[in-house]
Protein backbone atom coordinates (compact mmCIF):
# COMPACT_ATOMS: atom_id res chain seq x y z
CA MET A 1 0.00 0.00 0.00
CA SER A 2 1.55 3.30 -1.07
CA THR A 3 1.86 6.26 1.24
CA LEU A 4 0.41 9.61 0.26
CA THR A 5 3.00 12.36 0.04
CA LEU A 6 2.83 15.97 -1.05
CA ALA A 7 4.85 15.12 -4.13
CA ASP A 8 2.31 12.57 -5.39
CA PRO A 9 -0.06 13.85 -8.10
CA THR A 10 -3.10 12.19 -6.50
CA PRO A 11 -6.70 12.96 -7.46
CA ALA A 12 -7.01 14.91 -4.20
CA THR A 13 -4.53 17.49 -5.51
CA ARG A 14 -6.13 17.68 -8.97
CA GLU A 15 -9.09 19.79 -7.92
CA VAL A 16 -10.17 22.56 -10.25
CA ALA A 17 -8.35 25.57 -8.84
CA PRO A 18 -10.15 28.88 -8.39
CA PRO A 19 -8.84 31.87 -10.33
CA ALA A 20 -5.28 32.75 -9.36
CA ARG A 21 -6.27 36.40 -9.08
CA ALA A 22 -8.08 35.58 -5.83
CA ALA A 23 -4.68 35.29 -4.15
CA TRP A 24 -3.33 38.62 -5.37
CA PRO A 25 -5.15 40.92 -2.92
CA TRP A 26 -3.53 39.07 -0.03
CA ALA A 27 -0.13 39.29 -1.67
CA ALA A 28 -0.62 43.03 -2.16
CA LEU A 29 -1.53 43.45 1.51
CA ALA A 30 1.54 41.41 2.48
CA VAL A 31 3.72 43.96 0.69
CA LEU A 32 1.90 47.18 1.52
CA LEU A 33 1.30 46.71 5.24
CA PRO A 34 4.91 45.87 6.24
CA ALA A 35 6.14 48.60 3.85
CA LEU A 36 3.93 51.16 5.62
CA ALA A 37 5.06 49.90 9.03
CA LEU A 38 8.71 50.20 7.98
CA ALA A 39 8.14 53.69 6.56
CA LEU A 40 6.46 54.73 9.82
CA HIS A 41 9.39 53.37 11.82
CA VAL A 42 11.95 55.16 9.65
CA GLY A 43 10.00 58.40 9.75
CA GLN A 44 9.28 58.46 13.48
CA ARG A 45 12.23 56.65 15.01
CA ARG A 46 15.02 57.12 12.46
CA GLY A 47 14.53 60.72 11.38
CA GLY A 48 13.66 59.61 7.87
CA ASP A 49 17.13 58.09 7.34
CA VAL A 50 16.73 54.55 6.01
CA THR A 51 20.46 53.87 6.45
CA ALA A 52 19.76 53.74 10.20
CA THR A 53 17.99 50.41 9.72
CA TYR A 54 21.29 48.84 8.64
CA HIS A 55 22.82 49.51 12.08
CA ILE A 56 26.25 50.50 10.82
CA GLY A 57 28.81 50.68 13.61
CA HIS A 58 31.43 53.38 13.99
CA GLU A 59 34.27 50.87 13.91
CA PHE A 60 32.81 48.94 10.96
CA ALA A 61 32.19 51.68 8.38
CA ASP A 62 35.76 51.70 7.10
CA ARG A 63 36.38 48.02 7.72
CA THR A 64 33.48 46.90 5.54
CA GLY A 65 34.22 49.44 2.81
CA LEU A 66 30.98 51.40 3.21
CA THR A 67 32.89 54.68 3.18
CA LEU A 68 33.83 53.87 -0.42
CA TYR A 69 30.19 54.02 -1.47
CA TYR A 70 28.54 56.54 0.86
CA ASP A 71 29.55 60.02 1.98
CA VAL A 72 26.81 60.27 4.61
CA PHE A 73 25.05 57.52 6.52
CA HIS A 74 23.69 56.88 10.00
CA LEU A 75 26.06 55.34 12.55
CA GLU A 76 25.07 53.26 15.58
CA ASP A 77 26.81 52.57 18.86
CA GLU A 78 25.35 49.03 18.75
CA PRO A 79 26.02 47.66 15.22
CA TYR A 80 24.25 44.68 13.72
CA ASP A 81 24.57 42.41 10.69
CA GLY A 82 22.62 44.60 8.26
CA GLN A 83 25.75 46.67 7.67
CA PHE A 84 27.50 43.65 6.14
CA PHE A 85 24.66 42.98 3.70
CA LEU A 86 24.72 46.61 2.59
CA ALA A 87 28.47 46.32 1.95
CA LEU A 88 28.01 43.04 0.05
CA ALA A 89 25.24 44.50 -2.13
CA ASN A 90 27.67 47.21 -3.22
CA ASP A 91 30.31 44.56 -3.95
CA PRO A 92 28.27 41.50 -5.03
CA LEU A 93 31.27 39.56 -6.37
CA LEU A 94 33.37 40.32 -3.27
CA LEU A 95 36.12 41.91 -5.33
CA SER A 96 37.14 44.27 -2.52
CA PHE A 97 35.31 42.94 0.54
CA TYR A 98 38.20 41.63 2.64
CA ASP A 99 36.66 41.92 6.09
CA PRO A 100 37.92 39.25 8.55
CA THR A 101 34.44 37.71 8.38
CA ARG A 102 34.56 37.49 4.57
CA PHE A 103 33.87 33.76 4.30
CA TYR A 104 31.10 33.83 6.90
CA ARG A 105 29.38 36.89 5.45
CA GLY A 106 30.09 36.12 1.81
CA ARG A 107 28.35 32.77 1.96
CA ARG A 108 25.04 34.61 2.39
CA ILE A 109 25.13 36.51 -0.88
CA ALA A 110 21.77 35.95 -2.63
CA TRP A 111 19.93 38.82 -0.93
CA ALA A 112 22.85 41.14 -1.70
CA TRP A 113 22.66 40.07 -5.36
CA ALA A 114 18.96 40.94 -5.41
CA GLY A 115 19.66 44.36 -3.90
CA ALA A 116 22.43 45.03 -6.43
CA LEU A 117 20.17 44.06 -9.34
CA LEU A 118 17.17 46.06 -8.15
CA GLY A 119 19.40 49.03 -7.30
CA LEU A 120 21.17 48.81 -10.68
CA GLY A 121 24.46 48.84 -8.80
CA ARG A 122 23.96 52.41 -7.57
CA PRO A 123 24.77 52.81 -3.85
CA GLY A 124 22.03 55.36 -3.22
CA TRP A 125 19.43 53.06 -4.72
CA ILE A 126 20.73 49.88 -3.10
CA VAL A 127 19.85 51.27 0.35
CA TYR A 128 16.19 51.07 -0.70
CA ALA A 129 16.52 48.09 -3.03
CA LEU A 130 17.43 45.61 -0.30
CA PRO A 131 14.22 46.07 1.75
CA LEU A 132 12.29 46.26 -1.54
CA ALA A 133 13.68 42.84 -2.52
CA THR A 134 12.52 41.45 0.82
CA LEU A 135 9.04 42.93 0.39
CA LEU A 136 8.61 41.77 -3.21
CA LEU A 137 9.65 38.22 -2.38
CA LEU A 138 7.40 38.33 0.68
CA GLY A 139 4.49 39.20 -1.59
CA ALA A 140 5.32 36.28 -3.86
CA ALA A 141 5.52 33.88 -0.92
CA VAL A 142 2.19 35.06 0.49
CA TRP A 143 0.65 34.69 -2.98
CA VAL A 144 1.84 31.08 -3.00
CA LEU A 145 0.44 30.41 0.47
CA ALA A 146 -2.88 32.11 -0.37
CA ARG A 147 -3.14 30.13 -3.61
CA LEU A 148 -2.58 26.83 -1.81
CA LEU A 149 -5.07 27.77 0.91
CA ILE A 150 -7.72 28.58 -1.71
CA GLU A 151 -7.06 25.41 -3.69
CA HIS A 152 -7.51 23.28 -0.60
CA GLY A 153 -10.69 24.98 0.57
CA ARG A 154 -9.23 27.23 3.26
CA HIS A 155 -9.40 30.98 3.66
CA PRO A 156 -6.48 32.82 2.05
CA ALA A 157 -6.31 35.37 4.88
CA TRP A 158 -4.27 32.85 6.87
CA ALA A 159 -1.38 33.60 4.50
CA LEU A 160 -1.01 37.03 6.11
CA LEU A 161 0.28 35.32 9.25
CA HIS A 162 3.57 34.91 7.42
CA ALA A 163 3.74 38.58 6.46
CA ALA A 164 3.09 39.57 10.08
CA SER A 165 5.57 37.10 11.55
CA LEU A 166 8.29 37.99 14.00
CA GLY A 167 11.01 36.97 11.56
CA VAL A 168 9.73 39.25 8.80
CA ALA A 169 9.42 42.18 11.21
CA VAL A 170 12.95 41.81 12.54
CA CYS A 171 14.46 41.34 9.07
CA LEU A 172 12.86 44.56 7.83
CA LEU A 173 13.73 46.54 10.95
CA ARG A 174 17.35 45.32 10.94
CA GLN A 175 17.85 44.61 7.19
CA LEU A 176 18.72 40.92 7.45
CA ALA A 177 18.57 38.08 4.92
CA ASP A 178 16.59 35.43 6.84
CA ALA A 179 13.18 36.45 5.46
CA PHE A 180 14.56 36.52 1.92
CA ALA A 181 15.82 32.95 2.33
CA VAL A 182 12.58 31.65 3.87
CA ASN A 183 10.48 33.23 1.11
CA LEU A 184 12.65 31.49 -1.49
CA LEU A 185 12.06 28.23 0.37
CA ILE A 186 8.29 28.78 0.21
CA LEU A 187 8.47 29.47 -3.53
CA GLY A 188 10.63 26.38 -3.97
CA ALA A 189 8.12 24.32 -2.02
CA PHE A 190 5.34 25.52 -4.33
CA ALA A 191 7.38 24.55 -7.40
CA TRP A 192 8.14 21.14 -5.88
CA HIS A 193 4.47 20.63 -5.07
CA ARG A 194 3.67 21.41 -8.71
CA GLN A 195 6.15 18.74 -9.85
CA ARG A 196 8.59 21.35 -11.22
CA ARG A 197 11.70 19.72 -9.83
CA GLY A 198 14.33 21.77 -11.65
CA GLY A 199 12.73 25.11 -10.76
CA ALA A 200 12.34 24.02 -7.16
CA ALA A 201 15.99 23.01 -6.96
CA LEU A 202 17.09 26.40 -8.33
CA LEU A 203 14.96 28.28 -5.80
CA PHE A 204 16.26 26.10 -2.99
CA LEU A 205 19.83 26.77 -4.13
CA LEU A 206 19.24 30.53 -4.02
CA ALA A 207 17.75 30.14 -0.54
CA CYS A 208 20.88 28.27 0.54
CA LEU A 209 23.00 31.10 -0.87
CA ALA A 210 20.96 33.54 1.22
CA LYS A 211 21.28 31.46 4.39
CA GLU A 212 23.14 28.17 4.46
CA THR A 213 20.87 26.42 6.98
CA SER A 214 18.18 26.48 4.26
CA ILE A 215 19.86 23.29 3.03
CA LEU A 216 17.76 21.41 5.58
CA VAL A 217 14.68 21.72 3.35
CA PRO A 218 16.07 20.13 0.15
CA ALA A 219 17.99 17.65 2.32
CA ALA A 220 14.77 16.55 4.01
CA LEU A 221 12.94 16.29 0.69
CA ALA A 222 15.77 14.34 -0.92
CA ALA A 223 15.99 11.98 2.06
CA GLU A 224 12.25 11.35 1.92
CA ARG A 225 12.36 10.68 -1.83
CA LEU A 226 15.28 8.29 -1.44
CA TRP A 227 13.53 6.58 1.48
CA ARG A 228 10.57 5.95 -0.80
CA ARG A 229 12.93 4.66 -3.52
CA ARG A 230 12.38 7.51 -5.95
CA PRO A 231 15.96 8.58 -6.69
CA ARG A 232 15.11 10.33 -9.97
CA GLU A 233 12.92 12.81 -8.10
CA ALA A 234 15.70 13.47 -5.61
CA ALA A 235 18.41 13.93 -8.27
CA PRO A 236 17.96 17.72 -8.85
CA LEU A 237 18.16 18.35 -5.11
CA LEU A 238 21.44 16.49 -4.86
CA LEU A 239 23.04 19.09 -7.14
CA ILE A 240 22.38 21.92 -4.67
CA PRO A 241 25.48 21.27 -2.51
CA ALA A 242 27.59 21.45 -5.68
CA GLY A 243 26.19 24.88 -6.51
CA MET A 244 26.85 26.06 -2.97
CA ALA A 245 30.39 24.69 -3.10
CA LEU A 246 31.17 26.66 -6.27
CA TRP A 247 30.25 29.97 -4.69
CA TRP A 248 31.89 29.11 -1.39
CA ALA A 249 35.11 28.31 -3.26
CA TRP A 250 34.99 31.76 -4.86
CA VAL A 251 34.49 33.40 -1.45
CA LEU A 252 37.20 31.32 0.17
CA ARG A 253 39.67 32.21 -2.56
CA SER A 254 40.66 35.47 -0.86
CA SER A 255 39.40 34.79 2.66
CA ASN A 256 41.69 34.54 5.63
CA GLY A 257 39.99 31.56 7.20
CA LEU A 258 37.31 28.87 6.84
CA TYR A 259 34.95 30.19 9.49
CA VAL A 260 31.74 28.17 9.83
CA GLY A 261 30.35 29.53 13.12
CA PRO A 262 30.63 26.41 15.30
CA GLU A 263 29.86 28.40 18.44
CA ASN A 264 26.26 28.72 17.24
CA LEU A 265 25.66 25.05 18.07
CA GLY A 266 25.86 23.36 21.45
CA PRO A 267 24.17 20.86 23.80
CA PRO A 268 20.41 20.38 23.39
CA LEU A 269 18.48 23.25 25.04
CA GLY A 270 21.78 24.62 26.33
CA GLY A 271 21.14 28.01 24.74
CA VAL A 272 17.66 28.28 26.24
CA LEU A 273 18.83 27.39 29.73
CA ASP A 274 21.87 29.64 29.51
CA SER A 275 19.72 32.57 28.43
CA LEU A 276 17.32 32.01 31.33
CA ARG A 277 20.20 31.88 33.81
CA ARG A 278 21.88 34.99 32.41
CA PRO A 279 19.24 37.36 31.01
CA LEU A 280 20.46 39.77 28.38
CA PRO A 281 20.83 43.36 29.61
CA GLY A 282 18.37 46.02 28.61
CA TYR A 283 15.70 43.76 27.10
CA ARG A 284 12.13 44.95 26.75
CA ALA A 285 8.79 43.25 27.18
CA GLY A 286 8.39 42.68 23.45
CA GLU A 287 11.70 40.87 23.21
CA THR A 288 10.81 38.64 26.15
CA LEU A 289 7.44 37.85 24.58
CA SER A 290 9.04 36.93 21.28
CA PHE A 291 11.58 34.73 23.05
CA TRP A 292 8.92 32.70 24.83
CA THR A 293 6.84 32.60 21.66
CA MET A 294 9.65 30.84 19.83
CA ILE A 295 10.20 28.48 22.74
CA GLY A 296 6.56 27.51 22.41
CA ILE A 297 6.86 27.07 18.66
CA VAL A 298 9.85 24.79 19.06
CA ALA A 299 7.97 22.80 21.69
CA LEU A 300 4.89 22.36 19.46
CA ALA A 301 6.65 21.60 16.18
CA PRO A 302 7.75 18.03 17.07
CA LEU A 303 4.10 17.09 17.65
CA ALA A 304 3.79 16.88 13.90
CA ARG A 305 4.03 13.26 12.72
CA PRO A 306 6.78 12.97 10.03
CA THR A 307 4.54 11.69 7.22
CA ASP A 308 6.18 13.53 4.32
CA GLY A 309 9.23 15.57 3.30
CA TRP A 310 7.80 18.83 4.63
CA ARG A 311 7.31 17.31 8.08
CA TRP A 312 10.85 16.01 7.94
CA ALA A 313 12.01 19.55 7.21
CA VAL A 314 10.04 20.93 10.17
CA LEU A 315 11.61 18.36 12.47
CA ALA A 316 15.08 19.16 11.09
CA PHE A 317 14.64 22.86 11.83
CA THR A 318 13.25 22.00 15.25
CA GLY A 319 16.42 20.06 15.98
CA LEU A 320 18.50 23.03 14.85
CA ALA A 321 16.59 25.32 17.20
CA VAL A 322 17.07 22.92 20.09
CA VAL A 323 20.88 22.91 19.73
CA SER A 324 21.23 26.65 19.08
CA THR A 325 23.44 28.38 21.63
CA ARG A 326 22.99 31.68 23.42
CA LYS A 327 25.33 33.37 20.93
CA ILE A 328 22.50 33.91 18.45
CA TRP A 329 20.55 35.87 21.06
CA GLU A 330 22.24 39.23 21.09
CA GLU A 331 18.65 40.25 21.67
CA PHE A 332 15.83 37.90 22.62
CA TRP A 333 13.90 38.31 19.38
CA SER A 334 16.92 37.04 17.45
CA TYR A 335 15.79 33.52 18.28
CA GLY A 336 12.55 34.10 16.39
CA ARG A 337 14.33 35.59 13.42
CA VAL A 338 16.95 32.85 13.12
CA HIS A 339 14.32 30.10 13.32
CA MET A 340 11.50 31.76 11.37
CA THR A 341 11.42 28.80 8.95
CA LEU A 342 9.47 26.80 11.54
CA PRO A 343 6.26 28.86 11.65
CA ALA A 344 6.53 29.51 7.89
CA PHE A 345 6.60 25.82 7.01
CA LEU A 346 3.94 24.92 9.54
CA LEU A 347 1.71 27.48 7.81
CA LEU A 348 2.58 25.83 4.49
CA LEU A 349 1.57 22.49 5.97
CA TYR A 350 -1.73 23.93 7.19
CA ALA A 351 -2.41 25.20 3.67
CA LEU A 352 -1.82 21.72 2.27
CA ARG A 353 -3.18 19.49 5.03
CA GLY A 354 -5.59 21.60 7.08
CA ARG A 355 -4.30 20.34 10.44
CA LYS A 356 -5.36 23.11 12.82
CA LEU A 357 -2.58 22.44 15.31
CA ASP A 358 -0.13 23.61 12.65
CA LEU A 359 -1.63 27.09 12.93
CA ALA A 360 -0.51 27.51 16.54
CA ALA A 361 3.07 28.43 15.67
CA PRO A 362 2.23 30.85 12.80
CA VAL A 363 -0.37 32.62 14.97
CA ALA A 364 2.12 32.96 17.83
CA ALA A 365 4.85 34.23 15.51
CA ALA A 366 2.46 36.77 13.98
CA ALA A 367 1.36 38.02 17.41
CA ALA A 368 4.99 38.53 18.42
CA GLY A 369 5.75 40.23 15.09
CA LEU A 370 2.87 42.68 15.46
CA TRP A 371 4.05 43.49 18.97
CA ILE A 372 7.58 44.20 17.71
CA TRP A 373 6.13 46.52 15.03
CA LEU A 374 4.13 48.30 17.72
CA LEU A 375 7.25 48.84 19.78
CA ALA A 376 9.13 50.09 16.73
CA SER A 377 6.52 52.64 15.65
């Protein structure tokens, strides 16, 4: 007796789909609402200077080469990773980016490529092009989710949970690549579900080049296909590591070390317990709420029975969250941003399967995201 999987073109997935245009209003809202929230934040909290959202540090401006591209930009006493992505977008082939973290930062290049393309390589435009790339891809991902919800008889409004999620909010407020990677994974999942293996593999590869832990999704799908003795379906996915290796070799060519960030991983739940024993200084209620929200999401995710490749991916990301160390929590909401794939893929599973328990994590992530936007406005 064969087992039903999401990849199987069964009669249940051959329903007559409603018009695709029904998903577009939700995609438009997914772009417009976060864009307005970001504009409000920049206008009220950042004096209208969008460069402030990149959190460029005084000691990093010269080191990352930003002074080569900008005469004036906002500087922060507490820098964050957005400054590196801005530098990479102005140097998308890493021809002059020789920061000590070159190999670590350069691995995550896909979002910088998108910003360089949208900004036509012009530094003044790239500042706006990077968040625009995030918003446009967010709209595409929400369109996919809304389309799947409609096709399976569920209300497309649930797709907006992804747009409101904690991870999306943090990535827009801090200009980070996690949301870009997760949205590529959602688009890749849609292509895979539609039996477009090559297109799915390409989208997954780009997601891996935006954030390397994205490899867990194609790895889970490939493992599930091989487990079910369908190696031809898994073959395109097995080429993804080769594509990653080619770019990594280019980055490593002029890097001063093979840094892979091993301190981000540790004993199971060690990071959670360490953070509870030694609270981070200066945290606010919203950050605490988002921290506990993600703890709850990680606790609920394993309840999903691993019946298909998507469930395998959820469990893989749950395992990654369990062994994450305190280092990723420079602020409590960082945990939600780093592991935003979990609520996103549980929402995808709800769209496809209709299991209401899968909505718990996306709802919690959206509530935390809305609270972070409220604090930022």
